[in-house]
Amino acid sequence: MSAIVAIDEILLDVAPGETRAALVADGRLVELEIERDASPSLVGNVYLARVAKLAPAMDAAFIDLGAGGSGFLPRADALGALDAEGKPLRAEAGRAEVGRDAAIGRLLSEGEAVLVQVEKDAVGTKSPRLTARVALPFHRLVFSPCRPGLALSRRIASGAERARLEAALAGRLEEGEGAVLRTAAEGASAETLSDELAAARAAWQALIERARNARAPALVHRTPDLVERALRDHAGPGLRRVVVNDRAARDRAKEFVARIARGTGAGIEVELQRGREPIFARHDTEAQIAEALEPRVRLPSGGSLVFGALEALTAIDVDSARQSGTGRLADTALAVNLEAAAEVARQLRLRNVAGLIVIDFVHMEDARARARVADAMRAALAGDPVAVQLGGFTTLGLYEMTRKRVREPLADILLGPCDACQGAARLKSDATMAYEILRALRRAADASPGRALTVTLASSVAAFFEGEAKGALDALTASLGRAPALRIEAGRARDRYDIVVG
């Protein structure tokens, strides 16, 4: 099994209340992003916020975002904080006494207005994590208006190409500006890069204009929705096709692809999914999502990976299924471990696993075999956009690594505790079931136009339709011209429902 390769296909499933983006490489699901209208991601949003409280003991500040709630700003991310004009809050910010080692009280004051950007969404009881280092991501570059310097993605391997890109952009940055050239910049002309830089500069000026006219706290820049973000961040040189199940989203995707491909000769086909079969079902994506929610993943050789999540770490056991094969046991162990290394890398990205990760590979006595597996892990993880740190094999034969926490684990997004067994198992959550039912109702309505729809479901899912998913249900009702009837059945498991067309 090969390592994770470039994304060659993006599937966009647009449904009432929820959009899902599946990133596919060589026909296999690599990553799944989910955005729900009632709880959109705030990552990338920029606020003219207000410092609510300094917390010297935590070396941080709590920031009032207004309608977006509150956020947490560590001291390290408060350095160089900007006001509504895009100017440093402290005129003396460059001096040593208020530099990198300055206490939070030297950088911010309670009640002060400050520009901040959401770096991580809230997880559980933790507030969104913020940074004062505002950066605006575009397809080929990330623009840092107040952090000078030019950097390039480490995935641009060619020294000649790196030198060409540096020469193409370095002279075009104004004083104080900075940029990071993304992997998608590889092969782009100097004119294309200059045009994107100009667009980024214009977006920053528009942001500052909104901040000048705003009263803190206020949202001054909203990150694009998932359809555009998926294309912006993942339309690399290997992308050949985007498949969408919604006509309006297809048109937006075509416009975006045309814009980023202008002048590069890139050919990305944007296709509208036709027929009544669900887009994810047709491409075997639903089955791969279901597999990513299970603790055991089968390997083609007959072995398997077994995932166990604890509070502080994720443990992965590689099971060879007691294969004997026709060769030596050492050869069999190496073959299974090499196969497992590639699948572990894929599953970590797909499941959004983060933090400390310990892998118990099939035991290998030979140091050269362990080195080959370590090399395979390094190669397989090279395509992961999230930062990883590889510790290698310990003296006890376990492989250690860490992966940066960027988003919630996929299981936490889609699953919830089982009420019937007091949380001993996990089932699809009320939210997951509600949006699944909305997709099913849309398909049933398309198959039987004008006919009444009745769905029998669990009481907790019905309650969810009266709360967070009410807007999505109302939108579906408006588009159908009739309201589906919800029939609650006592004792029904929340992951079971029936739709009757009357």
Protein backbone atom coordinates (compact mmCIF):
# COMPACT_ATOMS: atom_id res chain seq x y z
CA MET A 1 0.00 0.00 0.00
CA SER A 2 1.41 3.37 -1.02
CA ALA A 3 1.77 6.48 1.10
CA ILE A 4 -0.78 9.27 1.05
CA VAL A 5 -0.54 11.04 -2.31
CA ALA A 6 -1.90 14.27 -3.72
CA ILE A 7 -5.64 14.86 -3.61
CA ASP A 8 -7.00 14.04 -7.08
CA GLU A 9 -10.74 14.33 -6.43
CA ILE A 10 -13.00 16.41 -4.17
CA LEU A 11 -16.60 15.38 -3.51
CA LEU A 12 -18.91 18.12 -2.23
CA ASP A 13 -22.15 16.94 -0.62
CA VAL A 14 -24.39 19.98 -0.09
CA ALA A 15 -27.54 19.17 1.90
CA PRO A 16 -30.03 21.07 4.08
CA GLY A 17 -28.10 22.46 7.04
CA GLU A 18 -24.87 20.61 6.33
CA THR A 19 -22.06 20.53 3.76
CA ARG A 20 -19.48 17.76 3.61
CA ALA A 21 -16.24 17.79 1.63
CA ALA A 22 -14.51 14.47 0.95
CA LEU A 23 -10.88 14.59 -0.15
CA VAL A 24 -9.97 11.55 -2.23
CA ALA A 25 -6.59 10.21 -3.34
CA ASP A 26 -6.32 7.17 -5.62
CA GLY A 27 -9.99 6.38 -5.01
CA ARG A 28 -9.68 6.32 -1.22
CA LEU A 29 -11.03 8.82 1.29
CA VAL A 30 -8.17 10.74 2.91
CA GLU A 31 -9.96 13.50 4.79
CA LEU A 32 -13.52 14.55 5.58
CA GLU A 33 -14.53 18.10 6.46
CA ILE A 34 -18.01 18.87 7.80
CA GLU A 35 -19.69 22.25 8.22
CA ARG A 36 -23.14 22.71 9.75
CA ASP A 37 -25.05 25.93 9.23
CA ALA A 38 -26.11 26.11 12.87
CA SER A 39 -22.53 25.77 14.16
CA PRO A 40 -20.09 26.91 11.45
CA SER A 41 -16.37 26.89 12.02
CA LEU A 42 -14.96 30.22 13.20
CA VAL A 43 -11.40 29.39 12.15
CA GLY A 44 -10.05 32.19 9.99
CA ASN A 45 -12.61 34.77 11.15
CA VAL A 46 -11.11 38.12 12.16
CA TYR A 47 -12.72 40.24 14.89
CA LEU A 48 -12.19 43.71 16.20
CA ALA A 49 -12.52 42.32 19.71
CA ARG A 50 -12.22 43.70 23.20
CA VAL A 51 -9.93 42.50 25.96
CA ALA A 52 -12.34 41.23 28.61
CA LYS A 53 -9.88 40.02 31.24
CA LEU A 54 -6.16 39.53 31.69
CA ALA A 55 -5.09 36.26 33.31
CA PRO A 56 -1.44 36.75 34.40
CA ALA A 57 -1.34 33.35 36.10
CA MET A 58 -2.19 31.74 32.75
CA ASP A 59 -0.02 34.21 30.80
CA ALA A 60 -3.02 34.91 28.58
CA ALA A 61 -6.09 37.08 28.05
CA PHE A 62 -9.77 36.35 27.58
CA ILE A 63 -11.18 38.22 24.60
CA ASP A 64 -14.79 39.26 23.97
CA LEU A 65 -15.75 38.43 20.36
CA GLY A 66 -19.30 39.69 20.63
CA ALA A 67 -21.80 37.42 18.89
CA GLY A 68 -18.98 34.95 18.39
CA GLY A 69 -18.65 34.47 22.15
CA SER A 70 -15.30 34.71 23.87
CA GLY A 71 -11.84 33.44 23.04
CA PHE A 72 -8.51 32.63 24.64
CA LEU A 73 -5.40 34.55 23.60
CA PRO A 74 -2.05 33.24 24.93
CA ARG A 75 0.71 35.76 25.51
CA ALA A 76 2.88 34.26 22.77
CA ASP A 77 0.10 34.90 20.25
CA ALA A 78 -0.56 38.43 21.55
CA LEU A 79 2.84 39.76 20.46
CA GLY A 80 2.49 42.50 17.89
CA ALA A 81 -1.23 42.98 18.56
CA LEU A 82 -2.92 45.49 16.22
CA ASP A 83 -5.58 48.14 16.72
CA ALA A 84 -8.52 48.95 14.41
CA GLU A 85 -6.15 50.84 12.09
CA GLY A 86 -3.92 47.82 11.67
CA LYS A 87 -1.22 49.56 13.70
CA PRO A 88 0.67 48.08 16.71
CA LEU A 89 -1.17 48.68 19.99
CA ARG A 90 2.10 49.57 21.66
CA ALA A 91 4.31 52.09 19.92
CA GLU A 92 7.29 50.65 21.79
CA ALA A 93 6.38 47.05 20.85
CA GLY A 94 9.76 46.49 19.27
CA ARG A 95 11.72 47.35 22.38
CA ALA A 96 13.23 44.53 24.42
CA GLU A 97 11.29 45.24 27.60
CA VAL A 98 7.99 44.61 25.82
CA GLY A 99 9.32 42.01 23.43
CA ARG A 100 9.01 38.22 23.44
CA ASP A 101 9.46 37.90 27.19
CA ALA A 102 6.98 40.63 28.14
CA ALA A 103 4.15 39.74 30.51
CA ILE A 104 0.62 39.78 29.14
CA GLY A 105 -0.08 43.03 31.01
CA ARG A 106 2.62 44.81 29.02
CA LEU A 107 1.03 43.74 25.73
CA LEU A 108 -2.69 44.30 26.39
CA SER A 109 -4.97 46.24 28.74
CA GLU A 110 -8.47 45.31 29.84
CA GLY A 111 -11.11 47.09 27.78
CA GLU A 112 -8.75 47.64 24.85
CA ALA A 113 -9.90 46.95 21.26
CA VAL A 114 -7.65 44.53 19.37
CA LEU A 115 -7.70 42.67 16.05
CA VAL A 116 -7.69 38.91 16.59
CA GLN A 117 -8.15 35.87 14.38
CA VAL A 118 -9.61 32.50 15.38
CA GLU A 119 -6.92 29.82 15.14
CA LYS A 120 -8.85 26.86 16.59
CA ASP A 121 -12.55 26.31 17.19
CA ALA A 122 -13.91 25.69 20.67
CA VAL A 123 -13.55 22.07 21.79
CA GLY A 124 -15.69 20.88 24.68
CA THR A 125 -15.43 23.48 27.44
CA LYS A 126 -12.38 25.16 25.90
CA SER A 127 -12.93 28.53 24.25
CA PRO A 128 -11.74 29.21 20.69
CA ARG A 129 -8.01 29.82 20.56
CA LEU A 130 -7.05 33.19 19.12
CA THR A 131 -4.00 34.86 17.65
CA ALA A 132 -3.20 38.53 17.10
CA ARG A 133 -1.00 37.55 14.14
CA VAL A 134 -3.66 38.02 11.47
CA ALA A 135 -3.02 36.17 8.19
CA LEU A 136 -5.28 35.89 5.15
CA PRO A 137 -5.05 32.58 3.26
CA PHE A 138 -5.46 32.47 -0.50
CA HIS A 139 -4.94 29.61 -2.93
CA ARG A 140 -1.23 30.07 -3.60
CA LEU A 141 -0.15 32.21 -0.68
CA VAL A 142 -0.96 33.25 2.86
CA PHE A 143 -0.68 37.01 3.30
CA SER A 144 0.71 38.36 6.59
CA PRO A 145 0.13 42.13 6.41
CA CYS A 146 2.16 43.01 9.51
CA ARG A 147 4.73 40.19 9.75
CA PRO A 148 7.48 40.83 7.20
CA GLY A 149 9.32 38.03 5.47
CA LEU A 150 8.85 35.47 2.70
CA ALA A 151 8.63 31.74 3.40
CA LEU A 152 7.87 28.72 1.20
CA SER A 153 6.05 25.47 1.85
CA ARG A 154 8.45 22.70 2.76
CA ARG A 155 6.64 20.49 0.24
CA ILE A 156 8.12 22.49 -2.62
CA ALA A 157 11.18 20.28 -2.89
CA SER A 158 13.03 21.62 -5.93
CA GLY A 159 15.78 24.06 -5.03
CA ALA A 160 15.54 25.72 -8.43
CA GLU A 161 11.78 26.17 -8.11
CA ARG A 162 12.14 27.60 -4.62
CA ALA A 163 14.70 30.11 -5.88
CA ARG A 164 12.43 31.07 -8.80
CA LEU A 165 9.43 31.62 -6.52
CA GLU A 166 11.45 33.70 -4.08
CA ALA A 167 12.71 35.88 -6.90
CA ALA A 168 9.19 36.20 -8.36
CA LEU A 169 7.63 37.58 -5.18
CA ALA A 170 10.32 39.03 -2.95
CA GLY A 171 10.52 42.37 -4.74
CA ARG A 172 6.74 42.77 -4.81
CA LEU A 173 6.19 42.79 -1.04
CA GLU A 174 5.83 46.22 0.48
CA GLU A 175 7.58 47.30 3.67
CA GLY A 176 6.25 45.38 6.68
CA GLU A 177 4.36 42.81 4.57
CA GLY A 178 5.00 39.09 4.58
CA ALA A 179 3.78 36.01 2.75
CA VAL A 180 4.03 32.24 2.84
CA LEU A 181 3.93 30.55 -0.55
CA ARG A 182 1.79 27.43 -0.37
CA THR A 183 2.38 24.18 -2.25
CA ALA A 184 -0.12 25.34 -4.90
CA ALA A 185 2.33 28.14 -5.83
CA GLU A 186 4.64 25.60 -7.46
CA GLY A 187 4.77 26.29 -11.19
CA ALA A 188 2.79 29.56 -10.95
CA SER A 189 4.02 32.49 -13.01
CA ALA A 190 5.32 35.70 -11.43
CA GLU A 191 2.28 37.51 -12.85
CA THR A 192 -0.14 35.00 -11.27
CA LEU A 193 1.55 35.35 -7.89
CA SER A 194 1.53 39.14 -8.18
CA ASP A 195 -2.19 39.14 -8.99
CA GLU A 196 -2.95 37.01 -5.93
CA LEU A 197 -0.79 39.22 -3.73
CA ALA A 198 -2.71 42.25 -4.99
CA ALA A 199 -6.01 40.53 -4.19
CA ALA A 200 -4.75 39.70 -0.69
CA ARG A 201 -3.62 43.28 -0.12
CA ALA A 202 -7.03 44.56 -1.23
CA ALA A 203 -8.77 42.11 1.15
CA TRP A 204 -6.63 43.40 4.02
CA GLN A 205 -7.44 47.03 3.22
CA ALA A 206 -11.16 46.18 3.11
CA LEU A 207 -10.84 44.44 6.49
CA ILE A 208 -9.15 47.51 8.01
CA GLU A 209 -11.85 49.78 6.57
CA ARG A 210 -14.55 47.67 8.23
CA ALA A 211 -12.60 47.70 11.51
CA ARG A 212 -12.29 51.50 11.43
CA ASN A 213 -16.05 51.84 11.10
CA ALA A 214 -16.91 49.10 13.60
CA ARG A 215 -17.55 49.27 17.31
CA ALA A 216 -15.77 46.51 19.20
CA PRO A 217 -16.57 43.70 19.49
CA ALA A 218 -17.44 43.05 15.83
CA LEU A 219 -16.73 40.55 13.06
CA VAL A 220 -14.67 42.28 10.36
CA HIS A 221 -13.69 39.33 8.15
CA ARG A 222 -15.55 36.06 7.66
CA THR A 223 -13.79 32.96 6.40
CA PRO A 224 -15.30 31.46 3.20
CA ASP A 225 -17.71 28.57 3.47
CA LEU A 226 -16.61 24.95 3.08
CA VAL A 227 -17.19 24.77 -0.69
CA GLU A 228 -14.68 27.54 -1.34
CA ARG A 229 -12.30 26.56 1.47
CA ALA A 230 -12.01 22.99 0.19
CA LEU A 231 -11.01 24.25 -3.24
CA ARG A 232 -8.79 27.03 -1.92
CA ASP A 233 -6.82 24.71 0.33
CA HIS A 234 -6.80 21.44 -1.61
CA ALA A 235 -6.90 22.26 -5.33
CA GLY A 236 -3.30 21.23 -5.86
CA PRO A 237 -1.52 20.20 -9.06
CA GLY A 238 -2.88 16.65 -8.78
CA LEU A 239 -6.57 17.62 -8.56
CA ARG A 240 -8.39 16.46 -11.70
CA ARG A 241 -12.07 16.44 -10.73
CA VAL A 242 -14.57 18.10 -8.40
CA VAL A 243 -17.99 16.45 -8.09
CA VAL A 244 -20.89 18.43 -6.57
CA ASN A 245 -24.50 17.42 -5.94
CA ASP A 246 -25.92 20.96 -5.86
CA ARG A 247 -26.29 23.16 -8.94
CA ALA A 248 -25.62 26.50 -7.21
CA ALA A 249 -22.56 25.07 -5.43
CA ARG A 250 -21.38 23.60 -8.75
CA ASP A 251 -21.55 27.03 -10.37
CA ARG A 252 -19.56 28.60 -7.52
CA ALA A 253 -16.99 25.81 -7.73
CA LYS A 254 -16.61 26.29 -11.48
CA GLU A 255 -16.09 30.02 -11.04
CA PHE A 256 -13.48 29.47 -8.33
CA VAL A 257 -11.63 26.82 -10.34
CA ALA A 258 -11.61 29.07 -13.41
CA ARG A 259 -10.15 31.87 -11.30
CA ILE A 260 -7.32 29.85 -9.78
CA ALA A 261 -6.53 28.08 -13.06
CA ARG A 262 -6.29 31.32 -15.06
CA GLY A 263 -2.88 31.59 -16.66
CA THR A 264 -1.68 28.19 -15.43
CA GLY A 265 -3.23 25.86 -17.98
CA ALA A 266 -4.54 23.66 -15.19
CA GLY A 267 -7.49 21.49 -16.17
CA ILE A 268 -9.88 20.66 -13.32
CA GLU A 269 -13.24 19.20 -14.29
CA VAL A 270 -16.20 20.38 -12.20
CA GLU A 271 -19.07 17.93 -12.52
CA LEU A 272 -22.66 18.01 -11.29
CA GLN A 273 -23.70 14.66 -9.79
CA ARG A 274 -26.68 13.32 -11.72
CA GLY A 275 -29.20 10.70 -10.70
CA ARG A 276 -30.84 9.99 -7.38
CA GLU A 277 -28.05 7.95 -5.84
CA PRO A 278 -26.39 9.93 -2.99
CA ILE A 279 -23.03 11.35 -4.03
CA PHE A 280 -21.13 9.76 -1.14
CA ALA A 281 -22.80 6.38 -1.65
CA ARG A 282 -21.96 6.32 -5.36
CA HIS A 283 -18.29 6.92 -4.62
CA ASP A 284 -18.13 4.48 -1.66
CA THR A 285 -17.43 7.39 0.68
CA GLU A 286 -20.12 6.56 3.25
CA ALA A 287 -18.64 3.10 3.76
CA GLN A 288 -15.17 4.57 4.32
CA ILE A 289 -16.56 7.09 6.83
CA ALA A 290 -18.27 4.25 8.70
CA GLU A 291 -14.98 2.33 8.77
CA ALA A 292 -13.20 5.38 10.22
CA LEU A 293 -15.62 5.32 13.17
CA GLU A 294 -14.85 1.70 14.03
CA PRO A 295 -12.01 0.71 16.37
CA ARG A 296 -10.75 -2.00 13.96
CA VAL A 297 -9.55 -1.40 10.40
CA ARG A 298 -8.85 -4.41 8.17
CA LEU A 299 -5.67 -4.53 6.13
CA PRO A 300 -5.61 -6.18 2.68
CA SER A 301 -3.17 -8.81 3.95
CA GLY A 302 -5.70 -10.03 6.53
CA GLY A 303 -4.12 -8.18 9.43
CA SER A 304 -5.74 -5.18 11.09
CA LEU A 305 -5.25 -1.96 13.04
CA VAL A 306 -6.99 -1.58 16.39
CA PHE A 307 -7.46 1.98 17.68
CA GLY A 308 -7.85 2.77 21.35
CA ALA A 309 -8.39 6.36 22.48
CA LEU A 310 -7.44 7.36 26.02
CA GLU A 311 -7.52 10.75 27.73
CA ALA A 312 -3.88 11.57 27.03
CA LEU A 313 -2.99 9.44 24.00
CA THR A 314 -4.15 7.23 21.15
CA ALA A 315 -2.85 3.66 21.05
CA ILE A 316 -2.79 1.68 17.79
CA ASP A 317 -2.15 -2.05 17.78
CA VAL A 318 -1.04 -3.74 14.56
CA ASP A 319 -2.45 -7.27 14.48
CA SER A 320 -0.95 -9.71 11.99
CA ALA A 321 -3.91 -12.13 12.40
CA ARG A 322 -1.37 -14.85 13.26
CA GLN A 323 -0.36 -15.18 9.65
CA SER A 324 2.29 -17.69 8.89
CA GLY A 325 2.41 -17.31 5.12
CA THR A 326 4.95 -19.25 3.09
CA GLY A 327 8.00 -17.30 4.18
CA ARG A 328 9.82 -16.54 7.38
CA LEU A 329 7.89 -14.99 10.26
CA ALA A 330 10.27 -12.02 10.20
CA ASP A 331 9.42 -11.34 6.55
CA THR A 332 5.71 -11.61 7.29
CA ALA A 333 6.00 -9.19 10.21
CA LEU A 334 7.86 -6.67 8.06
CA ALA A 335 5.33 -6.94 5.22
CA VAL A 336 2.37 -6.39 7.57
CA ASN A 337 4.10 -3.47 9.30
CA LEU A 338 4.91 -1.73 6.02
CA GLU A 339 1.30 -2.13 4.95
CA ALA A 340 0.14 -0.86 8.35
CA ALA A 341 2.39 2.23 8.21
CA ALA A 342 0.62 3.60 5.13
CA GLU A 343 -2.83 2.85 6.53
CA VAL A 344 -2.00 4.38 9.92
CA ALA A 345 -1.04 7.64 8.18
CA ARG A 346 -4.31 7.67 6.24
CA GLN A 347 -6.43 6.88 9.29
CA LEU A 348 -4.77 9.52 11.47
CA ARG A 349 -5.67 12.20 8.95
CA LEU A 350 -9.15 10.84 8.25
CA ARG A 351 -10.01 10.42 11.94
CA ASN A 352 -8.42 13.78 12.93
CA VAL A 353 -6.34 11.99 15.57
CA ALA A 354 -4.10 14.39 17.50
CA GLY A 355 -1.81 14.49 20.51
CA LEU A 356 0.47 11.67 21.60
CA ILE A 357 0.18 8.52 19.45
CA VAL A 358 1.76 5.16 20.29
CA ILE A 359 1.85 2.36 17.68
CA ASP A 360 2.53 -1.25 18.62
CA PHE A 361 3.78 -2.77 15.37
CA VAL A 362 4.22 -6.51 14.97
CA HIS A 363 7.44 -7.35 16.81
CA MET A 364 10.64 -7.13 14.76
CA GLU A 365 14.04 -8.24 16.06
CA ASP A 366 16.01 -6.89 13.11
CA ALA A 367 17.06 -3.25 13.49
CA ARG A 368 17.12 -2.89 9.69
CA ALA A 369 13.47 -3.96 9.53
CA ARG A 370 12.54 -1.38 12.17
CA ALA A 371 14.42 1.27 10.17
CA ARG A 372 12.43 0.35 7.04
CA VAL A 373 9.14 0.71 8.93
CA ALA A 374 10.28 4.04 10.39
CA ASP A 375 11.14 5.26 6.87
CA ALA A 376 7.73 4.07 5.65
CA MET A 377 6.00 6.03 8.41
CA ARG A 378 7.97 9.15 7.52
CA ALA A 379 7.10 8.83 3.84
CA ALA A 380 3.42 8.08 4.52
CA LEU A 381 3.06 11.12 6.79
CA ALA A 382 4.80 13.48 4.35
CA GLY A 383 1.46 14.23 2.71
CA ASP A 384 -0.29 15.14 5.96
CA PRO A 385 -1.03 18.90 6.06
CA VAL A 386 -1.03 18.82 9.87
CA ALA A 387 2.31 19.07 11.67
CA VAL A 388 3.65 15.77 13.01
CA GLN A 389 6.67 15.02 15.16
CA LEU A 390 8.15 11.54 14.86
CA GLY A 391 9.83 10.03 17.89
CA GLY A 392 10.61 6.65 16.34
CA PHE A 393 10.88 3.32 18.10
CA THR A 394 11.41 3.22 21.86
CA THR A 395 13.60 0.73 23.69
CA LEU A 396 10.47 -1.35 24.31
CA GLY A 397 9.70 -1.53 20.60
CA LEU A 398 6.79 0.93 20.52
CA TYR A 399 6.65 3.66 17.88
CA GLU A 400 5.93 7.16 19.25
CA MET A 401 4.77 10.30 17.48
CA THR A 402 2.65 13.40 17.99
CA ARG A 403 0.19 15.13 15.67
CA LYS A 404 -0.94 18.73 16.11
CA ARG A 405 -4.54 19.23 17.23
CA VAL A 406 -6.32 21.34 14.61
CA ARG A 407 -9.92 20.08 14.56
CA GLU A 408 -12.12 17.83 16.64
CA PRO A 409 -11.67 14.09 16.12
CA LEU A 410 -14.09 12.76 13.51
CA ALA A 411 -15.67 10.44 16.08
CA ASP A 412 -16.42 13.38 18.39
CA ILE A 413 -18.13 15.23 15.53
CA LEU A 414 -20.29 12.30 14.39
CA LEU A 415 -20.82 10.14 17.48
CA GLY A 416 -22.28 10.54 20.95
CA PRO A 417 -22.63 8.34 24.05
CA CYS A 418 -25.18 5.53 23.99
CA ASP A 419 -28.02 6.25 26.44
CA ALA A 420 -29.14 2.62 26.60
CA CYS A 421 -25.76 1.36 27.82
CA GLN A 422 -24.87 4.41 29.92
CA GLY A 423 -22.13 5.53 27.52
CA ALA A 424 -20.28 2.20 27.30
CA ALA A 425 -20.64 2.40 23.50
CA ARG A 426 -21.03 5.26 21.04
CA LEU A 427 -23.75 5.79 18.44
CA LYS A 428 -24.29 8.43 15.80
CA SER A 429 -25.19 11.65 17.61
CA ASP A 430 -28.54 13.43 17.42
CA ALA A 431 -26.95 16.02 15.12
CA THR A 432 -25.49 13.39 12.79
CA MET A 433 -28.82 11.56 12.61
CA ALA A 434 -30.80 14.77 12.02
CA TYR A 435 -28.71 15.75 8.99
CA GLU A 436 -28.71 12.18 7.71
CA ILE A 437 -32.52 12.18 7.89
CA LEU A 438 -32.71 15.51 6.05
CA ARG A 439 -30.63 14.06 3.20
CA ALA A 440 -32.86 10.98 3.11
CA LEU A 441 -36.02 13.12 3.04
CA ARG A 442 -34.65 15.12 0.11
CA ARG A 443 -33.99 11.90 -1.83
CA ALA A 444 -37.44 10.53 -1.00
CA ALA A 445 -39.08 13.77 -2.13
CA ASP A 446 -37.14 13.76 -5.40
CA ALA A 447 -38.23 10.16 -6.04
CA SER A 448 -41.91 10.88 -5.24
CA PRO A 449 -42.69 14.53 -6.08
CA GLY A 450 -45.71 16.01 -4.33
CA ARG A 451 -46.35 13.07 -2.02
CA ALA A 452 -46.48 13.32 1.78
CA LEU A 453 -43.46 12.26 3.81
CA THR A 454 -43.53 10.80 7.33
CA VAL A 455 -40.38 9.95 9.26
CA THR A 456 -40.46 7.80 12.40
CA LEU A 457 -37.55 8.64 14.66
CA ALA A 458 -36.22 8.75 18.21
CA SER A 459 -37.45 11.45 20.59
CA SER A 460 -33.97 12.94 21.07
CA VAL A 461 -33.51 13.42 17.32
CA ALA A 462 -36.99 14.97 17.06
CA ALA A 463 -35.99 17.39 19.82
CA PHE A 464 -32.88 18.29 17.85
CA PHE A 465 -35.12 19.26 14.92
CA GLU A 466 -36.86 21.71 17.26
CA GLY A 467 -33.53 23.25 18.24
CA GLU A 468 -30.29 23.46 16.29
CA ALA A 469 -31.62 21.80 13.12
CA LYS A 470 -34.87 23.79 12.96
CA GLY A 471 -33.50 26.17 10.35
CA ALA A 472 -32.38 23.28 8.15
CA LEU A 473 -35.78 21.56 8.46
CA ASP A 474 -37.55 24.83 7.64
CA ALA A 475 -35.33 25.29 4.57
CA LEU A 476 -36.14 21.78 3.36
CA THR A 477 -39.85 22.39 3.96
CA ALA A 478 -39.71 25.60 1.92
CA SER A 479 -37.91 23.91 -0.97
CA LEU A 480 -40.33 20.96 -1.00
CA GLY A 481 -43.44 23.06 -0.56
CA ARG A 482 -44.64 20.76 2.20
CA ALA A 483 -43.51 19.85 5.72
CA PRO A 484 -42.39 16.30 6.47
CA ALA A 485 -44.29 14.81 9.40
CA LEU A 486 -42.19 13.74 12.38
CA ARG A 487 -43.52 10.72 14.26
CA ILE A 488 -41.80 9.97 17.58
CA GLU A 489 -41.60 6.35 18.67
CA ALA A 490 -40.83 5.73 22.33
CA GLY A 491 -37.83 3.49 22.92
CA ARG A 492 -36.52 3.76 19.37
CA ALA A 493 -32.72 3.94 19.17
CA ARG A 494 -31.55 7.29 17.90
CA ASP A 495 -29.61 5.75 15.02
CA ARG A 496 -32.74 4.14 13.56
CA TYR A 497 -35.43 5.85 11.48
CA ASP A 498 -38.00 5.00 8.80
CA ILE A 499 -39.43 7.20 6.06
CA VAL A 500 -42.86 6.45 4.61
CA VAL A 501 -44.06 8.09 1.41
CA GLY A 502 -47.83 8.53 1.62
